[in-house]
Amino acid sequence: MLMETKPYLYDRQITQHPEGFCVITPNDIDPSVPLSCSVCSYLMRTQDDEIAWREFSCCHKCSLSWAASRREAWAEGWRPDTQKLAEEIALRPHLVVNLIVELRALYLVKE
């Protein structure tokens, strides 16, 4: 069974997954934003993170700390060294995030 996407209310779309759940997204969403920041590995949680990703390829906090003030160097590939990154991360609030991932195996038995 393939995933089926249909128009939904208020300029959104609904995708029905074969596993039995649905995902509702705005029509203009770009699924290329990753789950975590490529610089600090924090989860991308807010719209500010999405905006920063589209401009700097990092989360909002990293864009404020490094990317926005060093636009040219950032565009050329500069990134903070591991010590500066660790210092910055130590100052951030630590949120406990529980992700439950359920993997199901489907076995086909040949008779």
PDB file of N, CA and C in Angstrom:
ATOM      1  N   MET A   1       0.844  -1.186   0.000  1.00  0.00           N
ATOM      2  CA  MET A   1       0.000   0.000   0.000  1.00  0.00           C
ATOM      3  C   MET A   1       0.887   1.245   0.000  1.00  0.00           C
ATOM      4  N   LEU A   2       0.640   2.160  -0.890  1.00  0.00           N
ATOM      5  CA  LEU A   2       1.414   3.387  -1.000  1.00  0.00           C
ATOM      6  C   LEU A   2       0.801   4.489  -0.140  1.00  0.00           C
ATOM      7  N   MET A   3       1.657   5.462   0.251  1.00  0.00           N
ATOM      8  CA  MET A   3       1.143   6.608   0.984  1.00  0.00           C
ATOM      9  C   MET A   3       0.310   7.458   0.036  1.00  0.00           C
ATOM     10  N   GLU A   4      -0.795   7.961   0.542  1.00  0.00           N
ATOM     11  CA  GLU A   4      -1.706   8.738  -0.284  1.00  0.00           C
ATOM     12  C   GLU A   4      -1.841  10.136   0.314  1.00  0.00           C
ATOM     13  N   THR A   5      -1.553  11.167  -0.490  1.00  0.00           N
ATOM     14  CA  THR A   5      -1.664  12.552  -0.040  1.00  0.00           C
ATOM     15  C   THR A   5      -2.862  13.196  -0.706  1.00  0.00           C
ATOM     16  N   LYS A   6      -3.676  13.881   0.117  1.00  0.00           N
ATOM     17  CA  LYS A   6      -4.881  14.545  -0.376  1.00  0.00           C
ATOM     18  C   LYS A   6      -4.933  15.970   0.162  1.00  0.00           C
ATOM     19  N   PRO A   7      -5.633  16.856  -0.542  1.00  0.00           N
ATOM     20  CA  PRO A   7      -5.849  18.210  -0.006  1.00  0.00           C
ATOM     21  C   PRO A   7      -6.625  18.137   1.302  1.00  0.00           C
ATOM     22  N   TYR A   8      -6.337  19.072   2.207  1.00  0.00           N
ATOM     23  CA  TYR A   8      -6.979  19.112   3.509  1.00  0.00           C
ATOM     24  C   TYR A   8      -7.411  20.545   3.798  1.00  0.00           C
ATOM     25  N   LEU A   9      -7.986  20.783   4.934  1.00  0.00           N
ATOM     26  CA  LEU A   9      -8.501  22.101   5.308  1.00  0.00           C
ATOM     27  C   LEU A   9      -7.402  23.154   5.427  1.00  0.00           C
ATOM     28  N   TYR A  10      -7.766  24.413   5.198  1.00  0.00           N
ATOM     29  CA  TYR A  10      -6.912  25.575   5.443  1.00  0.00           C
ATOM     30  C   TYR A  10      -5.558  25.486   4.758  1.00  0.00           C
ATOM     31  N   ASP A  11      -5.549  25.170   3.485  1.00  0.00           N
ATOM     32  CA  ASP A  11      -4.332  25.153   2.679  1.00  0.00           C
ATOM     33  C   ASP A  11      -3.285  24.183   3.225  1.00  0.00           C
ATOM     34  N   ARG A  12      -3.749  23.031   3.637  1.00  0.00           N
ATOM     35  CA  ARG A  12      -2.873  21.975   4.130  1.00  0.00           C
ATOM     36  C   ARG A  12      -3.137  20.700   3.347  1.00  0.00           C
ATOM     37  N   GLN A  13      -2.302  19.713   3.574  1.00  0.00           N
ATOM     38  CA  GLN A  13      -2.493  18.415   2.947  1.00  0.00           C
ATOM     39  C   GLN A  13      -2.369  17.323   4.004  1.00  0.00           C
ATOM     40  N   ILE A  14      -3.009  16.212   3.769  1.00  0.00           N
ATOM     41  CA  ILE A  14      -2.973  15.091   4.697  1.00  0.00           C
ATOM     42  C   ILE A  14      -2.392  13.882   3.964  1.00  0.00           C
ATOM     43  N   THR A  15      -1.448  13.229   4.617  1.00  0.00           N
ATOM     44  CA  THR A  15      -0.830  12.032   4.050  1.00  0.00           C
ATOM     45  C   THR A  15      -1.184  10.851   4.936  1.00  0.00           C
ATOM     46  N   GLN A  16      -1.793   9.865   4.361  1.00  0.00           N
ATOM     47  CA  GLN A  16      -2.159   8.655   5.094  1.00  0.00           C
ATOM     48  C   GLN A  16      -1.053   7.623   4.891  1.00  0.00           C
ATOM     49  N   HIS A  17      -0.472   7.195   6.000  1.00  0.00           N
ATOM     50  CA  HIS A  17       0.612   6.219   5.955  1.00  0.00           C
ATOM     51  C   HIS A  17       0.053   4.808   6.108  1.00  0.00           C
ATOM     52  N   PRO A  18       0.699   3.829   5.496  1.00  0.00           N
ATOM     53  CA  PRO A  18       0.210   2.447   5.570  1.00  0.00           C
ATOM     54  C   PRO A  18       0.203   1.885   6.991  1.00  0.00           C
ATOM     55  N   GLU A  19       1.011   2.474   7.878  1.00  0.00           N
ATOM     56  CA  GLU A  19       1.069   1.986   9.256  1.00  0.00           C
ATOM     57  C   GLU A  19      -0.140   2.397  10.085  1.00  0.00           C
ATOM     58  N   GLY A  20      -1.026   3.227   9.517  1.00  0.00           N
ATOM     59  CA  GLY A  20      -2.259   3.584  10.201  1.00  0.00           C
ATOM     60  C   GLY A  20      -2.304   4.974  10.791  1.00  0.00           C
ATOM     61  N   PHE A  21      -1.325   5.828  10.524  1.00  0.00           N
ATOM     62  CA  PHE A  21      -1.387   7.197  11.046  1.00  0.00           C
ATOM     63  C   PHE A  21      -1.397   8.181   9.891  1.00  0.00           C
ATOM     64  N   CYS A  22      -1.771   9.431  10.199  1.00  0.00           N
ATOM     65  CA  CYS A  22      -1.836  10.490   9.200  1.00  0.00           C
ATOM     66  C   CYS A  22      -0.918  11.634   9.607  1.00  0.00           C
ATOM     67  N   VAL A  23      -0.363  12.324   8.629  1.00  0.00           N
ATOM     68  CA  VAL A  23       0.457  13.505   8.866  1.00  0.00           C
ATOM     69  C   VAL A  23      -0.171  14.655   8.099  1.00  0.00           C
ATOM     70  N   ILE A  24      -0.455  15.753   8.820  1.00  0.00           N
ATOM     71  CA  ILE A  24      -1.051  16.939   8.206  1.00  0.00           C
ATOM     72  C   ILE A  24       0.033  18.013   8.138  1.00  0.00           C
ATOM     73  N   THR A  25       0.269  18.551   6.935  1.00  0.00           N
ATOM     74  CA  THR A  25       1.312  19.549   6.736  1.00  0.00           C
ATOM     75  C   THR A  25       0.789  20.692   5.881  1.00  0.00           C
ATOM     76  N   PRO A  26       1.373  21.896   6.045  1.00  0.00           N
ATOM     77  CA  PRO A  26       1.024  22.987   5.130  1.00  0.00           C
ATOM     78  C   PRO A  26       1.468  22.624   3.724  1.00  0.00           C
ATOM     79  N   ASN A  27       0.787  23.146   2.728  1.00  0.00           N
ATOM     80  CA  ASN A  27       1.136  22.849   1.341  1.00  0.00           C
ATOM     81  C   ASN A  27       2.524  23.351   0.968  1.00  0.00           C
ATOM     82  N   ASP A  28       2.973  24.438   1.600  1.00  0.00           N
ATOM     83  CA  ASP A  28       4.249  25.031   1.213  1.00  0.00           C
ATOM     84  C   ASP A  28       5.431  24.528   2.036  1.00  0.00           C
ATOM     85  N   ILE A  29       5.259  23.468   2.816  1.00  0.00           N
ATOM     86  CA  ILE A  29       6.351  22.962   3.637  1.00  0.00           C
ATOM     87  C   ILE A  29       7.396  22.263   2.773  1.00  0.00           C
ATOM     88  N   ASP A  30       8.646  22.461   3.149  1.00  0.00           N
ATOM     89  CA  ASP A  30       9.745  21.802   2.441  1.00  0.00           C
ATOM     90  C   ASP A  30      10.324  20.747   3.381  1.00  0.00           C
ATOM     91  N   PRO A  31      10.201  19.486   3.056  1.00  0.00           N
ATOM     92  CA  PRO A  31      10.646  18.442   3.966  1.00  0.00           C
ATOM     93  C   PRO A  31      12.160  18.308   4.078  1.00  0.00           C
ATOM     94  N   SER A  32      12.916  19.207   3.457  1.00  0.00           N
ATOM     95  CA  SER A  32      14.366  19.093   3.487  1.00  0.00           C
ATOM     96  C   SER A  32      14.988  19.577   4.796  1.00  0.00           C
ATOM     97  N   VAL A  33      14.233  20.190   5.697  1.00  0.00           N
ATOM     98  CA  VAL A  33      14.771  20.619   6.986  1.00  0.00           C
ATOM     99  C   VAL A  33      14.994  19.371   7.832  1.00  0.00           C
ATOM    100  N   PRO A  34      16.219  19.180   8.333  1.00  0.00           N
ATOM    101  CA  PRO A  34      16.513  17.946   9.067  1.00  0.00           C
ATOM    102  C   PRO A  34      15.945  17.944  10.475  1.00  0.00           C
ATOM    103  N   LEU A  35      16.033  16.820  11.124  1.00  0.00           N
ATOM    104  CA  LEU A  35      15.548  16.676  12.493  1.00  0.00           C
ATOM    105  C   LEU A  35      16.463  17.390  13.484  1.00  0.00           C
ATOM    106  N   SER A  36      17.768  17.420  13.216  1.00  0.00           N
ATOM    107  CA  SER A  36      18.706  18.060  14.142  1.00  0.00           C
ATOM    108  C   SER A  36      19.660  18.988  13.403  1.00  0.00           C
ATOM    109  N   CYS A  37      20.244  19.909  14.144  1.00  0.00           N
ATOM    110  CA  CYS A  37      21.179  20.889  13.601  1.00  0.00           C
ATOM    111  C   CYS A  37      22.476  20.199  13.189  1.00  0.00           C
ATOM    112  N   SER A  38      23.004  20.571  12.048  1.00  0.00           N
ATOM    113  CA  SER A  38      24.241  19.968  11.561  1.00  0.00           C
ATOM    114  C   SER A  38      25.472  20.470  12.314  1.00  0.00           C
ATOM    115  N   VAL A  39      25.331  21.550  13.078  1.00  0.00           N
ATOM    116  CA  VAL A  39      26.460  22.109  13.823  1.00  0.00           C
ATOM    117  C   VAL A  39      26.477  21.596  15.263  1.00  0.00           C
ATOM    118  N   CYS A  40      25.347  21.760  15.985  1.00  0.00           N
ATOM    119  CA  CYS A  40      25.323  21.438  17.414  1.00  0.00           C
ATOM    120  C   CYS A  40      24.572  20.149  17.750  1.00  0.00           C
ATOM    121  N   SER A  41      23.871  19.591  16.793  1.00  0.00           N
ATOM    122  CA  SER A  41      23.092  18.353  16.947  1.00  0.00           C
ATOM    123  C   SER A  41      21.847  18.499  17.824  1.00  0.00           C
ATOM    124  N   TYR A  42      21.456  19.728  18.177  1.00  0.00           N
ATOM    125  CA  TYR A  42      20.207  19.929  18.902  1.00  0.00           C
ATOM    126  C   TYR A  42      19.035  19.705  17.949  1.00  0.00           C
ATOM    127  N   LEU A  43      17.893  19.314  18.492  1.00  0.00           N
ATOM    128  CA  LEU A  43      16.710  19.106  17.667  1.00  0.00           C
ATOM    129  C   LEU A  43      16.211  20.427  17.090  1.00  0.00           C
ATOM    130  N   MET A  44      15.767  20.392  15.860  1.00  0.00           N
ATOM    131  CA  MET A  44      15.151  21.542  15.218  1.00  0.00           C
ATOM    132  C   MET A  44      13.690  21.545  15.673  1.00  0.00           C
ATOM    133  N   ARG A  45      13.314  22.509  16.520  1.00  0.00           N
ATOM    134  CA  ARG A  45      12.002  22.445  17.146  1.00  0.00           C
ATOM    135  C   ARG A  45      11.065  23.579  16.777  1.00  0.00           C
ATOM    136  N   THR A  46      11.585  24.694  16.324  1.00  0.00           N
ATOM    137  CA  THR A  46      10.731  25.861  16.145  1.00  0.00           C
ATOM    138  C   THR A  46      10.773  26.376  14.711  1.00  0.00           C
ATOM    139  N   GLN A  47       9.883  27.309  14.434  1.00  0.00           N
ATOM    140  CA  GLN A  47       9.884  27.944  13.113  1.00  0.00           C
ATOM    141  C   GLN A  47      11.160  28.761  12.937  1.00  0.00           C
ATOM    142  N   ASP A  48      11.688  29.324  14.021  1.00  0.00           N
ATOM    143  CA  ASP A  48      12.954  30.059  13.939  1.00  0.00           C
ATOM    144  C   ASP A  48      14.079  29.136  13.477  1.00  0.00           C
ATOM    145  N   ASP A  49      14.062  27.881  13.954  1.00  0.00           N
ATOM    146  CA  ASP A  49      15.058  26.909  13.504  1.00  0.00           C
ATOM    147  C   ASP A  49      14.925  26.654  12.006  1.00  0.00           C
ATOM    148  N   GLU A  50      13.701  26.543  11.533  1.00  0.00           N
ATOM    149  CA  GLU A  50      13.475  26.303  10.104  1.00  0.00           C
ATOM    150  C   GLU A  50      13.973  27.478   9.269  1.00  0.00           C
ATOM    151  N   ILE A  51      13.691  28.691   9.718  1.00  0.00           N
ATOM    152  CA  ILE A  51      14.139  29.888   8.998  1.00  0.00           C
ATOM    153  C   ILE A  51      15.665  29.950   8.972  1.00  0.00           C
ATOM    154  N   ALA A  52      16.293  29.682  10.114  1.00  0.00           N
ATOM    155  CA  ALA A  52      17.758  29.693  10.182  1.00  0.00           C
ATOM    156  C   ALA A  52      18.349  28.612   9.290  1.00  0.00           C
ATOM    157  N   TRP A  53      17.705  27.438   9.243  1.00  0.00           N
ATOM    158  CA  TRP A  53      18.200  26.360   8.389  1.00  0.00           C
ATOM    159  C   TRP A  53      18.200  26.785   6.926  1.00  0.00           C
ATOM    160  N   ARG A  54      17.145  27.446   6.510  1.00  0.00           N
ATOM    161  CA  ARG A  54      17.045  27.839   5.107  1.00  0.00           C
ATOM    162  C   ARG A  54      18.104  28.891   4.741  1.00  0.00           C
ATOM    163  N   GLU A  55      18.503  29.713   5.704  1.00  0.00           N
ATOM    164  CA  GLU A  55      19.496  30.753   5.411  1.00  0.00           C
ATOM    165  C   GLU A  55      20.928  30.291   5.673  1.00  0.00           C
ATOM    166  N   PHE A  56      21.139  29.554   6.797  1.00  0.00           N
ATOM    167  CA  PHE A  56      22.507  29.227   7.215  1.00  0.00           C
ATOM    168  C   PHE A  56      22.808  27.729   7.332  1.00  0.00           C
ATOM    169  N   SER A  57      21.816  26.872   7.153  1.00  0.00           N
ATOM    170  CA  SER A  57      21.972  25.416   7.336  1.00  0.00           C
ATOM    171  C   SER A  57      22.379  25.059   8.765  1.00  0.00           C
ATOM    172  N   CYS A  58      21.760  25.732   9.722  1.00  0.00           N
ATOM    173  CA  CYS A  58      21.967  25.429  11.141  1.00  0.00           C
ATOM    174  C   CYS A  58      20.729  25.877  11.915  1.00  0.00           C
ATOM    175  N   CYS A  59      20.678  25.564  13.214  1.00  0.00           N
ATOM    176  CA  CYS A  59      19.536  25.961  14.037  1.00  0.00           C
ATOM    177  C   CYS A  59      19.589  27.457  14.355  1.00  0.00           C
ATOM    178  N   HIS A  60      18.533  27.956  14.939  1.00  0.00           N
ATOM    179  CA  HIS A  60      18.429  29.381  15.272  1.00  0.00           C
ATOM    180  C   HIS A  60      19.524  29.806  16.247  1.00  0.00           C
ATOM    181  N   LYS A  61      19.781  28.995  17.273  1.00  0.00           N
ATOM    182  CA  LYS A  61      20.803  29.339  18.278  1.00  0.00           C
ATOM    183  C   LYS A  61      22.182  29.450  17.631  1.00  0.00           C
ATOM    184  N   CYS A  62      22.528  28.512  16.758  1.00  0.00           N
ATOM    185  CA  CYS A  62      23.824  28.565  16.074  1.00  0.00           C
ATOM    186  C   CYS A  62      23.893  29.761  15.128  1.00  0.00           C
ATOM    187  N   SER A  63      22.776  30.090  14.500  1.00  0.00           N
ATOM    188  CA  SER A  63      22.778  31.251  13.607  1.00  0.00           C
ATOM    189  C   SER A  63      23.011  32.534  14.399  1.00  0.00           C
ATOM    190  N   LEU A  64      22.421  32.643  15.594  1.00  0.00           N
ATOM    191  CA  LEU A  64      22.638  33.826  16.430  1.00  0.00           C
ATOM    192  C   LEU A  64      24.062  33.878  16.968  1.00  0.00           C
ATOM    193  N   SER A  65      24.577  32.723  17.368  1.00  0.00           N
ATOM    194  CA  SER A  65      25.908  32.676  17.980  1.00  0.00           C
ATOM    195  C   SER A  65      27.036  32.887  16.971  1.00  0.00           C
ATOM    196  N   TRP A  66      26.904  32.331  15.763  1.00  0.00           N
ATOM    197  CA  TRP A  66      28.021  32.347  14.832  1.00  0.00           C
ATOM    198  C   TRP A  66      27.689  32.785  13.419  1.00  0.00           C
ATOM    199  N   ALA A  67      26.665  32.237  12.826  1.00  0.00           N
ATOM    200  CA  ALA A  67      26.450  32.402  11.386  1.00  0.00           C
ATOM    201  C   ALA A  67      26.113  33.835  10.983  1.00  0.00           C
ATOM    202  N   ALA A  68      25.201  34.478  11.695  1.00  0.00           N
ATOM    203  CA  ALA A  68      24.747  35.816  11.294  1.00  0.00           C
ATOM    204  C   ALA A  68      25.863  36.851  11.390  1.00  0.00           C
ATOM    205  N   SER A  69      26.726  36.733  12.372  1.00  0.00           N
ATOM    206  CA  SER A  69      27.801  37.714  12.553  1.00  0.00           C
ATOM    207  C   SER A  69      29.001  37.445  11.647  1.00  0.00           C
ATOM    208  N   ARG A  70      29.070  36.252  11.081  1.00  0.00           N
ATOM    209  CA  ARG A  70      30.182  35.876  10.187  1.00  0.00           C
ATOM    210  C   ARG A  70      29.642  35.362   8.850  1.00  0.00           C
ATOM    211  N   ARG A  71      28.746  36.092   8.253  1.00  0.00           N
ATOM    212  CA  ARG A  71      28.061  35.631   7.044  1.00  0.00           C
ATOM    213  C   ARG A  71      29.018  35.151   5.955  1.00  0.00           C
ATOM    214  N   GLU A  72      30.023  35.951   5.638  1.00  0.00           N
ATOM    215  CA  GLU A  72      30.934  35.569   4.556  1.00  0.00           C
ATOM    216  C   GLU A  72      31.740  34.335   4.920  1.00  0.00           C
ATOM    217  N   ALA A  73      32.309  34.321   6.112  1.00  0.00           N
ATOM    218  CA  ALA A  73      33.108  33.168   6.546  1.00  0.00           C
ATOM    219  C   ALA A  73      32.223  31.922   6.643  1.00  0.00           C
ATOM    220  N   TRP A  74      30.998  32.106   7.144  1.00  0.00           N
ATOM    221  CA  TRP A  74      30.070  30.983   7.268  1.00  0.00           C
ATOM    222  C   TRP A  74      29.740  30.396   5.893  1.00  0.00           C
ATOM    223  N   ALA A  75      29.496  31.276   4.938  1.00  0.00           N
ATOM    224  CA  ALA A  75      29.182  30.827   3.575  1.00  0.00           C
ATOM    225  C   ALA A  75      30.367  30.098   2.944  1.00  0.00           C
ATOM    226  N   GLU A  76      31.577  30.436   3.357  1.00  0.00           N
ATOM    227  CA  GLU A  76      32.781  29.785   2.837  1.00  0.00           C
ATOM    228  C   GLU A  76      33.119  28.496   3.589  1.00  0.00           C
ATOM    229  N   GLY A  77      32.333  28.173   4.625  1.00  0.00           N
ATOM    230  CA  GLY A  77      32.530  26.898   5.318  1.00  0.00           C
ATOM    231  C   GLY A  77      33.073  26.984   6.729  1.00  0.00           C
ATOM    232  N   TRP A  78      33.298  28.202   7.262  1.00  0.00           N
ATOM    233  CA  TRP A  78      33.794  28.316   8.628  1.00  0.00           C
ATOM    234  C   TRP A  78      32.769  27.771   9.610  1.00  0.00           C
ATOM    235  N   ARG A  79      33.205  27.030  10.612  1.00  0.00           N
ATOM    236  CA  ARG A  79      32.355  26.549  11.698  1.00  0.00           C
ATOM    237  C   ARG A  79      33.147  26.665  12.993  1.00  0.00           C
ATOM    238  N   PRO A  80      32.483  26.789  14.127  1.00  0.00           N
ATOM    239  CA  PRO A  80      33.209  26.912  15.405  1.00  0.00           C
ATOM    240  C   PRO A  80      33.992  25.634  15.702  1.00  0.00           C
ATOM    241  N   ASP A  81      35.117  25.805  16.413  1.00  0.00           N
ATOM    242  CA  ASP A  81      35.869  24.612  16.789  1.00  0.00           C
ATOM    243  C   ASP A  81      35.133  23.877  17.901  1.00  0.00           C
ATOM    244  N   THR A  82      35.547  22.670  18.183  1.00  0.00           N
ATOM    245  CA  THR A  82      34.815  21.819  19.133  1.00  0.00           C
ATOM    246  C   THR A  82      34.780  22.411  20.542  1.00  0.00           C
ATOM    247  N   GLN A  83      35.829  23.126  20.944  1.00  0.00           N
ATOM    248  CA  GLN A  83      35.846  23.732  22.279  1.00  0.00           C
ATOM    249  C   GLN A  83      34.812  24.852  22.385  1.00  0.00           C
ATOM    250  N   LYS A  84      34.780  25.750  21.406  1.00  0.00           N
ATOM    251  CA  LYS A  84      33.779  26.834  21.419  1.00  0.00           C
ATOM    252  C   LYS A  84      32.361  26.279  21.339  1.00  0.00           C
ATOM    253  N   LEU A  85      32.188  25.244  20.545  1.00  0.00           N
ATOM    254  CA  LEU A  85      30.884  24.611  20.424  1.00  0.00           C
ATOM    255  C   LEU A  85      30.451  24.010  21.761  1.00  0.00           C
ATOM    256  N   ALA A  86      31.362  23.318  22.436  1.00  0.00           N
ATOM    257  CA  ALA A  86      31.051  22.718  23.741  1.00  0.00           C
ATOM    258  C   ALA A  86      30.714  23.794  24.768  1.00  0.00           C
ATOM    259  N   GLU A  87      31.437  24.919  24.740  1.00  0.00           N
ATOM    260  CA  GLU A  87      31.151  26.024  25.668  1.00  0.00           C
ATOM    261  C   GLU A  87      29.761  26.597  25.424  1.00  0.00           C
ATOM    262  N   GLU A  88      29.408  26.780  24.166  1.00  0.00           N
ATOM    263  CA  GLU A  88      28.082  27.306  23.815  1.00  0.00           C
ATOM    264  C   GLU A  88      26.980  26.346  24.242  1.00  0.00           C
ATOM    265  N   ILE A  89      27.161  25.074  23.968  1.00  0.00           N
ATOM    266  CA  ILE A  89      26.148  24.075  24.320  1.00  0.00           C
ATOM    267  C   ILE A  89      25.966  23.996  25.831  1.00  0.00           C
ATOM    268  N   ALA A  90      27.040  24.158  26.591  1.00  0.00           N
ATOM    269  CA  ALA A  90      26.955  24.122  28.056  1.00  0.00           C
ATOM    270  C   ALA A  90      26.092  25.257  28.605  1.00  0.00           C
ATOM    271  N   LEU A  91      26.012  26.368  27.880  1.00  0.00           N
ATOM    272  CA  LEU A  91      25.214  27.517  28.325  1.00  0.00           C
ATOM    273  C   LEU A  91      23.732  27.382  27.968  1.00  0.00           C
ATOM    274  N   ARG A  92      23.421  26.499  27.072  1.00  0.00           N
ATOM    275  CA  ARG A  92      22.032  26.332  26.637  1.00  0.00           C
ATOM    276  C   ARG A  92      21.249  25.507  27.645  1.00  0.00           C
ATOM    277  N   PRO A  93      19.940  25.796  27.747  1.00  0.00           N
ATOM    278  CA  PRO A  93      19.110  24.958  28.624  1.00  0.00           C
ATOM    279  C   PRO A  93      19.030  23.544  28.056  1.00  0.00           C
ATOM    280  N   HIS A  94      19.061  22.587  28.944  1.00  0.00           N
ATOM    281  CA  HIS A  94      19.003  21.191  28.521  1.00  0.00           C
ATOM    282  C   HIS A  94      17.584  20.672  28.683  1.00  0.00           C
ATOM    283  N   LEU A  95      16.977  20.335  27.585  1.00  0.00           N
ATOM    284  CA  LEU A  95      15.631  19.795  27.592  1.00  0.00           C
ATOM    285  C   LEU A  95      15.719  18.288  27.427  1.00  0.00           C
ATOM    286  N   VAL A  96      14.955  17.605  28.213  1.00  0.00           N
ATOM    287  CA  VAL A  96      14.905  16.162  28.079  1.00  0.00           C
ATOM    288  C   VAL A  96      13.874  15.834  27.009  1.00  0.00           C
ATOM    289  N   VAL A  97      14.299  15.123  26.018  1.00  0.00           N
ATOM    290  CA  VAL A  97      13.412  14.745  24.929  1.00  0.00           C
ATOM    291  C   VAL A  97      13.362  13.233  24.874  1.00  0.00           C
ATOM    292  N   ASN A  98      12.169  12.718  24.950  1.00  0.00           N
ATOM    293  CA  ASN A  98      11.988  11.280  24.840  1.00  0.00           C
ATOM    294  C   ASN A  98      11.377  10.979  23.487  1.00  0.00           C
ATOM    295  N   LEU A  99      12.078  10.219  22.718  1.00  0.00           N
ATOM    296  CA  LEU A  99      11.557   9.765  21.444  1.00  0.00           C
ATOM    297  C   LEU A  99      11.362   8.265  21.539  1.00  0.00           C
ATOM    298  N   ILE A 100      10.192   7.839  21.227  1.00  0.00           N
ATOM    299  CA  ILE A 100       9.905   6.410  21.227  1.00  0.00           C
ATOM    300  C   ILE A 100       9.782   5.983  19.774  1.00  0.00           C
ATOM    301  N   VAL A 101      10.658   5.124  19.393  1.00  0.00           N
ATOM    302  CA  VAL A 101      10.650   4.632  18.021  1.00  0.00           C
ATOM    303  C   VAL A 101      10.272   3.170  18.073  1.00  0.00           C
ATOM    304  N   GLU A 102       9.230   2.853  17.363  1.00  0.00           N
ATOM    305  CA  GLU A 102       8.763   1.472  17.328  1.00  0.00           C
ATOM    306  C   GLU A 102       9.043   0.915  15.947  1.00  0.00           C
ATOM    307  N   LEU A 103       9.788  -0.140  15.935  1.00  0.00           N
ATOM    308  CA  LEU A 103      10.092  -0.800  14.674  1.00  0.00           C
ATOM    309  C   LEU A 103       9.286  -2.078  14.603  1.00  0.00           C
ATOM    310  N   ARG A 104       8.654  -2.254  13.486  1.00  0.00           N
ATOM    311  CA  ARG A 104       7.865  -3.473  13.291  1.00  0.00           C
ATOM    312  C   ARG A 104       8.437  -4.211  12.087  1.00  0.00           C
ATOM    313  N   ALA A 105       8.589  -5.481  12.263  1.00  0.00           N
ATOM    314  CA  ALA A 105       9.076  -6.305  11.159  1.00  0.00           C
ATOM    315  C   ALA A 105       7.914  -7.056  10.544  1.00  0.00           C
ATOM    316  N   LEU A 106       7.925  -7.112   9.270  1.00  0.00           N
ATOM    317  CA  LEU A 106       6.891  -7.841   8.542  1.00  0.00           C
ATOM    318  C   LEU A 106       7.573  -9.035   7.883  1.00  0.00           C
ATOM    319  N   TYR A 107       7.151 -10.184   8.271  1.00  0.00           N
ATOM    320  CA  TYR A 107       7.739 -11.400   7.723  1.00  0.00           C
ATOM    321  C   TYR A 107       6.733 -12.069   6.795  1.00  0.00           C
ATOM    322  N   LEU A 108       7.184 -12.353   5.640  1.00  0.00           N
ATOM    323  CA  LEU A 108       6.339 -13.068   4.695  1.00  0.00           C
ATOM    324  C   LEU A 108       6.742 -14.540   4.738  1.00  0.00           C
ATOM    325  N   VAL A 109       5.795 -15.377   4.980  1.00  0.00           N
ATOM    326  CA  VAL A 109       6.058 -16.796   5.075  1.00  0.00           C
ATOM    327  C   VAL A 109       5.573 -17.447   3.803  1.00  0.00           C
ATOM    328  N   LYS A 110       6.457 -18.176   3.200  1.00  0.00           N
ATOM    329  CA  LYS A 110       6.117 -18.890   1.971  1.00  0.00           C
ATOM    330  C   LYS A 110       5.615 -20.277   2.331  1.00  0.00           C
ATOM    331  N   GLU A 111       4.477 -20.618   1.839  1.00  0.00           N
ATOM    332  CA  GLU A 111       3.928 -21.954   2.151  1.00  0.00           C
ATOM    333  C   GLU A 111       4.101 -22.878   0.990  1.00  0.00           C
TER     334      GLU A 111
END
